């Protein structure tokens, strides 16, 4: 979810569900956890009579994703160096 939101300014609940292949319940739980951690913001509105939930990656979420990617790249470098011996 975080990676998908990093690639788009906002995504609706249904867009995230389609991208991730997640169920409503699974996506709701993950979204709530990320929102509680401050990594994702959620905006609820209506599109006519239909509810619309949009998610956005917060500045904190963007920073943490960057730290995670840097950490994974370091692990990959070490693994490649080890395999190359």
PDB file of N, CA and C in Angstrom:
ATOM      1  N   UNK A   1       0.831  -1.187   0.000  1.00  0.00           N
ATOM      2  CA  UNK A   1       0.000   0.000   0.000  1.00  0.00           C
ATOM      3  C   UNK A   1       0.874   1.248   0.000  1.00  0.00           C
ATOM      4  N   UNK A   2       1.917   1.238   0.806  1.00  0.00           N
ATOM      5  CA  UNK A   2       2.804   2.400   0.890  1.00  0.00           C
ATOM      6  C   UNK A   2       3.491   2.631  -0.457  1.00  0.00           C
ATOM      7  N   UNK A   3       3.972   1.586  -1.075  1.00  0.00           N
ATOM      8  CA  UNK A   3       4.635   1.731  -2.379  1.00  0.00           C
ATOM      9  C   UNK A   3       3.672   2.241  -3.442  1.00  0.00           C
ATOM     10  N   UNK A   4       2.460   1.748  -3.426  1.00  0.00           N
ATOM     11  CA  UNK A   4       1.459   2.205  -4.397  1.00  0.00           C
ATOM     12  C   UNK A   4       1.170   3.683  -4.191  1.00  0.00           C
ATOM     13  N   UNK A   5       1.054   4.105  -2.934  1.00  0.00           N
ATOM     14  CA  UNK A   5       0.779   5.516  -2.646  1.00  0.00           C
ATOM     15  C   UNK A   5       1.980   6.405  -2.948  1.00  0.00           C
ATOM     16  N   UNK A   6       3.176   5.855  -2.893  1.00  0.00           N
ATOM     17  CA  UNK A   6       4.364   6.642  -3.228  1.00  0.00           C
ATOM     18  C   UNK A   6       4.389   6.979  -4.715  1.00  0.00           C
ATOM     19  N   UNK A   7       3.735   6.151  -5.521  1.00  0.00           N
ATOM     20  CA  UNK A   7       3.734   6.348  -6.968  1.00  0.00           C
ATOM     21  C   UNK A   7       2.571   7.209  -7.451  1.00  0.00           C
ATOM     22  N   UNK A   8       1.650   7.547  -6.554  1.00  0.00           N
ATOM     23  CA  UNK A   8       0.480   8.347  -6.935  1.00  0.00           C
ATOM     24  C   UNK A   8       0.202   9.358  -5.825  1.00  0.00           C
ATOM     25  N   UNK A   9      -0.330  10.495  -6.196  1.00  0.00           N
ATOM     26  CA  UNK A   9      -0.630  11.504  -5.169  1.00  0.00           C
ATOM     27  C   UNK A   9      -1.689  10.995  -4.202  1.00  0.00           C
ATOM     28  N   UNK A  10      -2.779  10.453  -4.733  1.00  0.00           N
ATOM     29  CA  UNK A  10      -3.817   9.833  -3.913  1.00  0.00           C
ATOM     30  C   UNK A  10      -4.360   8.620  -4.646  1.00  0.00           C
ATOM     31  N   UNK A  11      -4.894   7.693  -3.876  1.00  0.00           N
ATOM     32  CA  UNK A  11      -5.602   6.537  -4.445  1.00  0.00           C
ATOM     33  C   UNK A  11      -6.843   6.300  -3.598  1.00  0.00           C
ATOM     34  N   UNK A  12      -7.929   5.941  -4.264  1.00  0.00           N
ATOM     35  CA  UNK A  12      -9.149   5.621  -3.539  1.00  0.00           C
ATOM     36  C   UNK A  12      -9.041   4.207  -2.977  1.00  0.00           C
ATOM     37  N   UNK A  13      -9.949   3.904  -2.081  1.00  0.00           N
ATOM     38  CA  UNK A  13     -10.008   2.565  -1.497  1.00  0.00           C
ATOM     39  C   UNK A  13     -10.127   1.522  -2.606  1.00  0.00           C
ATOM     40  N   UNK A  14     -11.028   1.753  -3.560  1.00  0.00           N
ATOM     41  CA  UNK A  14     -11.235   0.773  -4.631  1.00  0.00           C
ATOM     42  C   UNK A  14     -10.029   0.667  -5.554  1.00  0.00           C
ATOM     43  N   UNK A  15      -9.339   1.783  -5.799  1.00  0.00           N
ATOM     44  CA  UNK A  15      -8.125   1.719  -6.625  1.00  0.00           C
ATOM     45  C   UNK A  15      -7.047   0.906  -5.922  1.00  0.00           C
ATOM     46  N   UNK A  16      -6.864   1.147  -4.631  1.00  0.00           N
ATOM     47  CA  UNK A  16      -5.876   0.370  -3.871  1.00  0.00           C
ATOM     48  C   UNK A  16      -6.248  -1.105  -3.840  1.00  0.00           C
ATOM     49  N   UNK A  17      -7.511  -1.372  -3.644  1.00  0.00           N
ATOM     50  CA  UNK A  17      -7.985  -2.757  -3.615  1.00  0.00           C
ATOM     51  C   UNK A  17      -7.644  -3.471  -4.922  1.00  0.00           C
ATOM     52  N   UNK A  18      -7.855  -2.786  -6.040  1.00  0.00           N
ATOM     53  CA  UNK A  18      -7.564  -3.384  -7.351  1.00  0.00           C
ATOM     54  C   UNK A  18      -6.060  -3.566  -7.550  1.00  0.00           C
ATOM     55  N   UNK A  19      -5.282  -2.562  -7.212  1.00  0.00           N
ATOM     56  CA  UNK A  19      -3.826  -2.626  -7.399  1.00  0.00           C
ATOM     57  C   UNK A  19      -3.218  -3.741  -6.551  1.00  0.00           C
ATOM     58  N   UNK A  20      -3.694  -3.859  -5.322  1.00  0.00           N
ATOM     59  CA  UNK A  20      -3.103  -4.812  -4.384  1.00  0.00           C
ATOM     60  C   UNK A  20      -3.740  -6.196  -4.445  1.00  0.00           C
ATOM     61  N   UNK A  21      -4.908  -6.301  -5.060  1.00  0.00           N
ATOM     62  CA  UNK A  21      -5.611  -7.576  -5.079  1.00  0.00           C
ATOM     63  C   UNK A  21      -6.061  -7.976  -3.680  1.00  0.00           C
ATOM     64  N   UNK A  22      -6.409  -6.985  -2.868  1.00  0.00           N
ATOM     65  CA  UNK A  22      -6.779  -7.217  -1.472  1.00  0.00           C
ATOM     66  C   UNK A  22      -8.294  -7.286  -1.315  1.00  0.00           C
ATOM     67  N   UNK A  23      -8.715  -7.908  -0.233  1.00  0.00           N
ATOM     68  CA  UNK A  23     -10.130  -7.901   0.112  1.00  0.00           C
ATOM     69  C   UNK A  23     -10.447  -6.602   0.845  1.00  0.00           C
ATOM     70  N   UNK A  24     -11.726  -6.276   0.951  1.00  0.00           N
ATOM     71  CA  UNK A  24     -12.136  -5.077   1.689  1.00  0.00           C
ATOM     72  C   UNK A  24     -11.602  -5.108   3.121  1.00  0.00           C
ATOM     73  N   UNK A  25     -11.805  -6.239   3.788  1.00  0.00           N
ATOM     74  CA  UNK A  25     -11.396  -6.356   5.183  1.00  0.00           C
ATOM     75  C   UNK A  25      -9.897  -6.246   5.367  1.00  0.00           C
ATOM     76  N   UNK A  26      -9.143  -6.930   4.511  1.00  0.00           N
ATOM     77  CA  UNK A  26      -7.688  -6.900   4.598  1.00  0.00           C
ATOM     78  C   UNK A  26      -7.163  -5.493   4.378  1.00  0.00           C
ATOM     79  N   UNK A  27      -7.661  -4.824   3.357  1.00  0.00           N
ATOM     80  CA  UNK A  27      -7.206  -3.467   3.061  1.00  0.00           C
ATOM     81  C   UNK A  27      -7.589  -2.509   4.179  1.00  0.00           C
ATOM     82  N   UNK A  28      -8.781  -2.650   4.722  1.00  0.00           N
ATOM     83  CA  UNK A  28      -9.224  -1.782   5.811  1.00  0.00           C
ATOM     84  C   UNK A  28      -8.309  -1.892   7.025  1.00  0.00           C
ATOM     85  N   UNK A  29      -7.947  -3.114   7.387  1.00  0.00           N
ATOM     86  CA  UNK A  29      -7.073  -3.324   8.545  1.00  0.00           C
ATOM     87  C   UNK A  29      -5.705  -2.712   8.298  1.00  0.00           C
ATOM     88  N   UNK A  30      -5.121  -2.949   7.137  1.00  0.00           N
ATOM     89  CA  UNK A  30      -3.797  -2.395   6.825  1.00  0.00           C
ATOM     90  C   UNK A  30      -3.838  -0.870   6.782  1.00  0.00           C
ATOM     91  N   UNK A  31      -4.863  -0.331   6.161  1.00  0.00           N
ATOM     92  CA  UNK A  31      -4.986   1.123   6.058  1.00  0.00           C
ATOM     93  C   UNK A  31      -5.100   1.747   7.450  1.00  0.00           C
ATOM     94  N   UNK A  32      -5.882   1.134   8.313  1.00  0.00           N
ATOM     95  CA  UNK A  32      -6.050   1.665   9.668  1.00  0.00           C
ATOM     96  C   UNK A  32      -4.736   1.644  10.431  1.00  0.00           C
ATOM     97  N   UNK A  33      -3.981   0.563  10.317  1.00  0.00           N
ATOM     98  CA  UNK A  33      -2.688   0.456  11.006  1.00  0.00           C
ATOM     99  C   UNK A  33      -1.707   1.518  10.492  1.00  0.00           C
ATOM    100  N   UNK A  34      -1.676   1.703   9.178  1.00  0.00           N
ATOM    101  CA  UNK A  34      -0.770   2.712   8.612  1.00  0.00           C
ATOM    102  C   UNK A  34      -1.206   4.122   8.991  1.00  0.00           C
ATOM    103  N   UNK A  35      -2.504   4.325   9.082  1.00  0.00           N
ATOM    104  CA  UNK A  35      -3.020   5.633   9.497  1.00  0.00           C
ATOM    105  C   UNK A  35      -2.678   5.896  10.965  1.00  0.00           C
ATOM    106  N   UNK A  36      -2.844   4.892  11.818  1.00  0.00           N
ATOM    107  CA  UNK A  36      -2.502   5.030  13.237  1.00  0.00           C
ATOM    108  C   UNK A  36      -1.014   5.315  13.429  1.00  0.00           C
ATOM    109  N   UNK A  37      -0.173   4.754  12.568  1.00  0.00           N
ATOM    110  CA  UNK A  37       1.270   4.982  12.644  1.00  0.00           C
ATOM    111  C   UNK A  37       1.660   6.352  12.086  1.00  0.00           C
ATOM    112  N   UNK A  38       0.724   7.019  11.416  1.00  0.00           N
ATOM    113  CA  UNK A  38       1.007   8.333  10.849  1.00  0.00           C
ATOM    114  C   UNK A  38       1.639   8.283   9.468  1.00  0.00           C
ATOM    115  N   UNK A  39       1.632   7.123   8.836  1.00  0.00           N
ATOM    116  CA  UNK A  39       2.260   6.973   7.515  1.00  0.00           C
ATOM    117  C   UNK A  39       1.313   7.299   6.371  1.00  0.00           C
ATOM    118  N   UNK A  40       0.019   7.213   6.628  1.00  0.00           N
ATOM    119  CA  UNK A  40      -1.005   7.403   5.601  1.00  0.00           C
ATOM    120  C   UNK A  40      -2.086   8.316   6.164  1.00  0.00           C
ATOM    121  N   UNK A  41      -2.618   9.185   5.314  1.00  0.00           N
ATOM    122  CA  UNK A  41      -3.783   9.978   5.709  1.00  0.00           C
ATOM    123  C   UNK A  41      -4.987   9.503   4.908  1.00  0.00           C
ATOM    124  N   UNK A  42      -6.139   9.632   5.523  1.00  0.00           N
ATOM    125  CA  UNK A  42      -7.379   9.162   4.924  1.00  0.00           C
ATOM    126  C   UNK A  42      -8.372  10.315   4.890  1.00  0.00           C
ATOM    127  N   UNK A  43      -8.991  10.523   3.730  1.00  0.00           N
ATOM    128  CA  UNK A  43     -10.015  11.552   3.576  1.00  0.00           C
ATOM    129  C   UNK A  43     -11.285  10.883   3.085  1.00  0.00           C
ATOM    130  N   UNK A  44     -12.367  11.112   3.816  1.00  0.00           N
ATOM    131  CA  UNK A  44     -13.660  10.528   3.430  1.00  0.00           C
ATOM    132  C   UNK A  44     -14.565  11.642   2.943  1.00  0.00           C
ATOM    133  N   UNK A  45     -15.231  11.369   1.821  1.00  0.00           N
ATOM    134  CA  UNK A  45     -16.164  12.338   1.238  1.00  0.00           C
ATOM    135  C   UNK A  45     -17.245  11.559   0.499  1.00  0.00           C
ATOM    136  N   UNK A  46     -18.055  12.288  -0.229  1.00  0.00           N
ATOM    137  CA  UNK A  46     -19.087  11.641  -1.041  1.00  0.00           C
ATOM    138  C   UNK A  46     -18.940  12.089  -2.479  1.00  0.00           C
ATOM    139  N   UNK A  47     -19.136  11.158  -3.388  1.00  0.00           N
ATOM    140  CA  UNK A  47     -19.192  11.428  -4.820  1.00  0.00           C
ATOM    141  C   UNK A  47     -20.654  11.209  -5.201  1.00  0.00           C
ATOM    142  N   UNK A  48     -21.424  12.284  -5.128  1.00  0.00           N
ATOM    143  CA  UNK A  48     -22.874  12.146  -5.242  1.00  0.00           C
ATOM    144  C   UNK A  48     -23.378  11.502  -3.961  1.00  0.00           C
ATOM    145  N   UNK A  49     -23.979  10.348  -4.080  1.00  0.00           N
ATOM    146  CA  UNK A  49     -24.456   9.622  -2.895  1.00  0.00           C
ATOM    147  C   UNK A  49     -23.503   8.517  -2.467  1.00  0.00           C
ATOM    148  N   UNK A  50     -22.451   8.324  -3.239  1.00  0.00           N
ATOM    149  CA  UNK A  50     -21.522   7.222  -2.953  1.00  0.00           C
ATOM    150  C   UNK A  50     -20.373   7.697  -2.074  1.00  0.00           C
ATOM    151  N   UNK A  51     -20.076   6.950  -1.014  1.00  0.00           N
ATOM    152  CA  UNK A  51     -18.929   7.314  -0.182  1.00  0.00           C
ATOM    153  C   UNK A  51     -17.632   7.139  -0.963  1.00  0.00           C
ATOM    154  N   UNK A  52     -16.694   8.021  -0.707  1.00  0.00           N
ATOM    155  CA  UNK A  52     -15.392   7.979  -1.389  1.00  0.00           C
ATOM    156  C   UNK A  52     -14.304   8.129  -0.332  1.00  0.00           C
ATOM    157  N   UNK A  53     -13.429   7.147  -0.244  1.00  0.00           N
ATOM    158  CA  UNK A  53     -12.320   7.176   0.709  1.00  0.00           C
ATOM    159  C   UNK A  53     -11.027   7.259  -0.087  1.00  0.00           C
ATOM    160  N   UNK A  54     -10.247   8.293   0.198  1.00  0.00           N
ATOM    161  CA  UNK A  54      -8.970   8.490  -0.493  1.00  0.00           C
ATOM    162  C   UNK A  54      -7.831   8.413   0.512  1.00  0.00           C
ATOM    163  N   UNK A  55      -6.733   7.835   0.061  1.00  0.00           N
ATOM    164  CA  UNK A  55      -5.537   7.705   0.887  1.00  0.00           C
ATOM    165  C   UNK A  55      -4.391   8.448   0.236  1.00  0.00           C
ATOM    166  N   UNK A  56      -3.527   8.984   1.096  1.00  0.00           N
ATOM    167  CA  UNK A  56      -2.348   9.722   0.653  1.00  0.00           C
ATOM    168  C   UNK A  56      -1.196   9.338   1.578  1.00  0.00           C
ATOM    169  N   UNK A  57      -0.019   9.226   1.031  1.00  0.00           N
ATOM    170  CA  UNK A  57       1.164   8.952   1.835  1.00  0.00           C
ATOM    171  C   UNK A  57       1.560  10.241   2.552  1.00  0.00           C
ATOM    172  N   UNK A  58       1.738  10.171   3.852  1.00  0.00           N
ATOM    173  CA  UNK A  58       2.108  11.359   4.625  1.00  0.00           C
ATOM    174  C   UNK A  58       3.606  11.621   4.471  1.00  0.00           C
ATOM    175  N   UNK A  59       4.077  12.816   4.822  1.00  0.00           N
ATOM    176  CA  UNK A  59       5.527  13.079   4.781  1.00  0.00           C
ATOM    177  C   UNK A  59       6.313  12.068   5.631  1.00  0.00           C
ATOM    178  N   UNK A  60       5.774  11.704   6.776  1.00  0.00           N
ATOM    179  CA  UNK A  60       6.416  10.706   7.630  1.00  0.00           C
ATOM    180  C   UNK A  60       6.468   9.347   6.935  1.00  0.00           C
ATOM    181  N   UNK A  61       5.385   8.982   6.274  1.00  0.00           N
ATOM    182  CA  UNK A  61       5.344   7.721   5.538  1.00  0.00           C
ATOM    183  C   UNK A  61       6.342   7.697   4.394  1.00  0.00           C
ATOM    184  N   UNK A  62       6.487   8.815   3.720  1.00  0.00           N
ATOM    185  CA  UNK A  62       7.453   8.924   2.621  1.00  0.00           C
ATOM    186  C   UNK A  62       8.885   8.777   3.151  1.00  0.00           C
ATOM    187  N   UNK A  63       9.171   9.433   4.282  1.00  0.00           N
ATOM    188  CA  UNK A  63      10.504   9.322   4.894  1.00  0.00           C
ATOM    189  C   UNK A  63      10.805   7.881   5.295  1.00  0.00           C
ATOM    190  N   UNK A  64       9.837   7.237   5.948  1.00  0.00           N
ATOM    191  CA  UNK A  64      10.044   5.859   6.396  1.00  0.00           C
ATOM    192  C   UNK A  64      10.200   4.896   5.228  1.00  0.00           C
ATOM    193  N   UNK A  65       9.466   5.122   4.156  1.00  0.00           N
ATOM    194  CA  UNK A  65       9.632   4.282   2.963  1.00  0.00           C
ATOM    195  C   UNK A  65      11.050   4.458   2.419  1.00  0.00           C
ATOM    196  N   UNK A  66      11.539   5.686   2.378  1.00  0.00           N
ATOM    197  CA  UNK A  66      12.907   5.942   1.921  1.00  0.00           C
ATOM    198  C   UNK A  66      13.928   5.226   2.784  1.00  0.00           C
ATOM    199  N   UNK A  67      13.727   5.262   4.097  1.00  0.00           N
ATOM    200  CA  UNK A  67      14.648   4.554   5.005  1.00  0.00           C
ATOM    201  C   UNK A  67      14.600   3.054   4.760  1.00  0.00           C
ATOM    202  N   UNK A  68      13.408   2.515   4.555  1.00  0.00           N
ATOM    203  CA  UNK A  68      13.250   1.087   4.296  1.00  0.00           C
ATOM    204  C   UNK A  68      13.951   0.688   2.994  1.00  0.00           C
ATOM    205  N   UNK A  69      13.751   1.480   1.944  1.00  0.00           N
ATOM    206  CA  UNK A  69      14.375   1.179   0.652  1.00  0.00           C
ATOM    207  C   UNK A  69      15.901   1.228   0.782  1.00  0.00           C
ATOM    208  N   UNK A  70      16.418   2.238   1.475  1.00  0.00           N
ATOM    209  CA  UNK A  70      17.869   2.331   1.679  1.00  0.00           C
ATOM    210  C   UNK A  70      18.398   1.111   2.431  1.00  0.00           C
ATOM    211  N   UNK A  71      17.676   0.680   3.444  1.00  0.00           N
ATOM    212  CA  UNK A  71      18.078  -0.494   4.219  1.00  0.00           C
ATOM    213  C   UNK A  71      18.084  -1.746   3.336  1.00  0.00           C
ATOM    214  N   UNK A  72      17.041  -1.915   2.540  1.00  0.00           N
ATOM    215  CA  UNK A  72      16.972  -3.084   1.664  1.00  0.00           C
ATOM    216  C   UNK A  72      18.081  -3.060   0.615  1.00  0.00           C
ATOM    217  N   UNK A  73      18.392  -1.868   0.079  1.00  0.00           N
ATOM    218  CA  UNK A  73      19.484  -1.762  -0.896  1.00  0.00           C
ATOM    219  C   UNK A  73      20.817  -2.144  -0.255  1.00  0.00           C
ATOM    220  N   UNK A  74      21.036  -1.756   0.997  1.00  0.00           N
ATOM    221  CA  UNK A  74      22.271  -2.125   1.695  1.00  0.00           C
ATOM    222  C   UNK A  74      22.345  -3.637   1.881  1.00  0.00           C
ATOM    223  N   UNK A  75      21.230  -4.260   2.251  1.00  0.00           N
ATOM    224  CA  UNK A  75      21.213  -5.724   2.394  1.00  0.00           C
ATOM    225  C   UNK A  75      21.490  -6.418   1.069  1.00  0.00           C
ATOM    226  N   UNK A  76      20.949  -5.888  -0.007  1.00  0.00           N
ATOM    227  CA  UNK A  76      21.182  -6.474  -1.332  1.00  0.00           C
ATOM    228  C   UNK A  76      22.656  -6.361  -1.708  1.00  0.00           C
ATOM    229  N   UNK A  77      23.269  -5.200  -1.431  1.00  0.00           N
ATOM    230  CA  UNK A  77      24.697  -5.031  -1.730  1.00  0.00           C
ATOM    231  C   UNK A  77      25.539  -6.046  -0.975  1.00  0.00           C
ATOM    232  N   UNK A  78      25.264  -6.228   0.305  1.00  0.00           N
ATOM    233  CA  UNK A  78      26.018  -7.180   1.125  1.00  0.00           C
ATOM    234  C   UNK A  78      25.817  -8.592   0.594  1.00  0.00           C
ATOM    235  N   UNK A  79      24.603  -8.925   0.235  1.00  0.00           N
ATOM    236  CA  UNK A  79      24.316 -10.261  -0.291  1.00  0.00           C
ATOM    237  C   UNK A  79      25.049 -10.483  -1.612  1.00  0.00           C
ATOM    238  N   UNK A  80      25.023  -9.485  -2.490  1.00  0.00           N
ATOM    239  CA  UNK A  80      25.734  -9.623  -3.777  1.00  0.00           C
ATOM    240  C   UNK A  80      27.232  -9.794  -3.552  1.00  0.00           C
ATOM    241  N   UNK A  81      27.776  -9.001  -2.624  1.00  0.00           N
ATOM    242  CA  UNK A  81      29.210  -9.125  -2.320  1.00  0.00           C
ATOM    243  C   UNK A  81      29.539 -10.510  -1.792  1.00  0.00           C
ATOM    244  N   UNK A  82      28.684 -11.033  -0.951  1.00  0.00           N
ATOM    245  CA  UNK A  82      28.904 -12.365  -0.370  1.00  0.00           C
ATOM    246  C   UNK A  82      28.803 -13.440  -1.443  1.00  0.00           C
ATOM    247  N   UNK A  83      27.844 -13.322  -2.346  1.00  0.00           N
ATOM    248  CA  UNK A  83      27.679 -14.313  -3.402  1.00  0.00           C
ATOM    249  C   UNK A  83      28.790 -14.247  -4.429  1.00  0.00           C
ATOM    250  N   UNK A  84      29.386 -13.073  -4.572  1.00  0.00           N
ATOM    251  CA  UNK A  84      30.439 -12.902  -5.561  1.00  0.00           C
ATOM    252  C   UNK A  84      31.771 -13.449  -5.137  1.00  0.00           C
ATOM    253  N   UNK A  85      31.906 -13.881  -3.914  1.00  0.00           N
ATOM    254  CA  UNK A  85      33.195 -14.404  -3.399  1.00  0.00           C
ATOM    255  C   UNK A  85      33.485 -15.780  -3.905  1.00  0.00           C
TER     256      UNK A  85
END
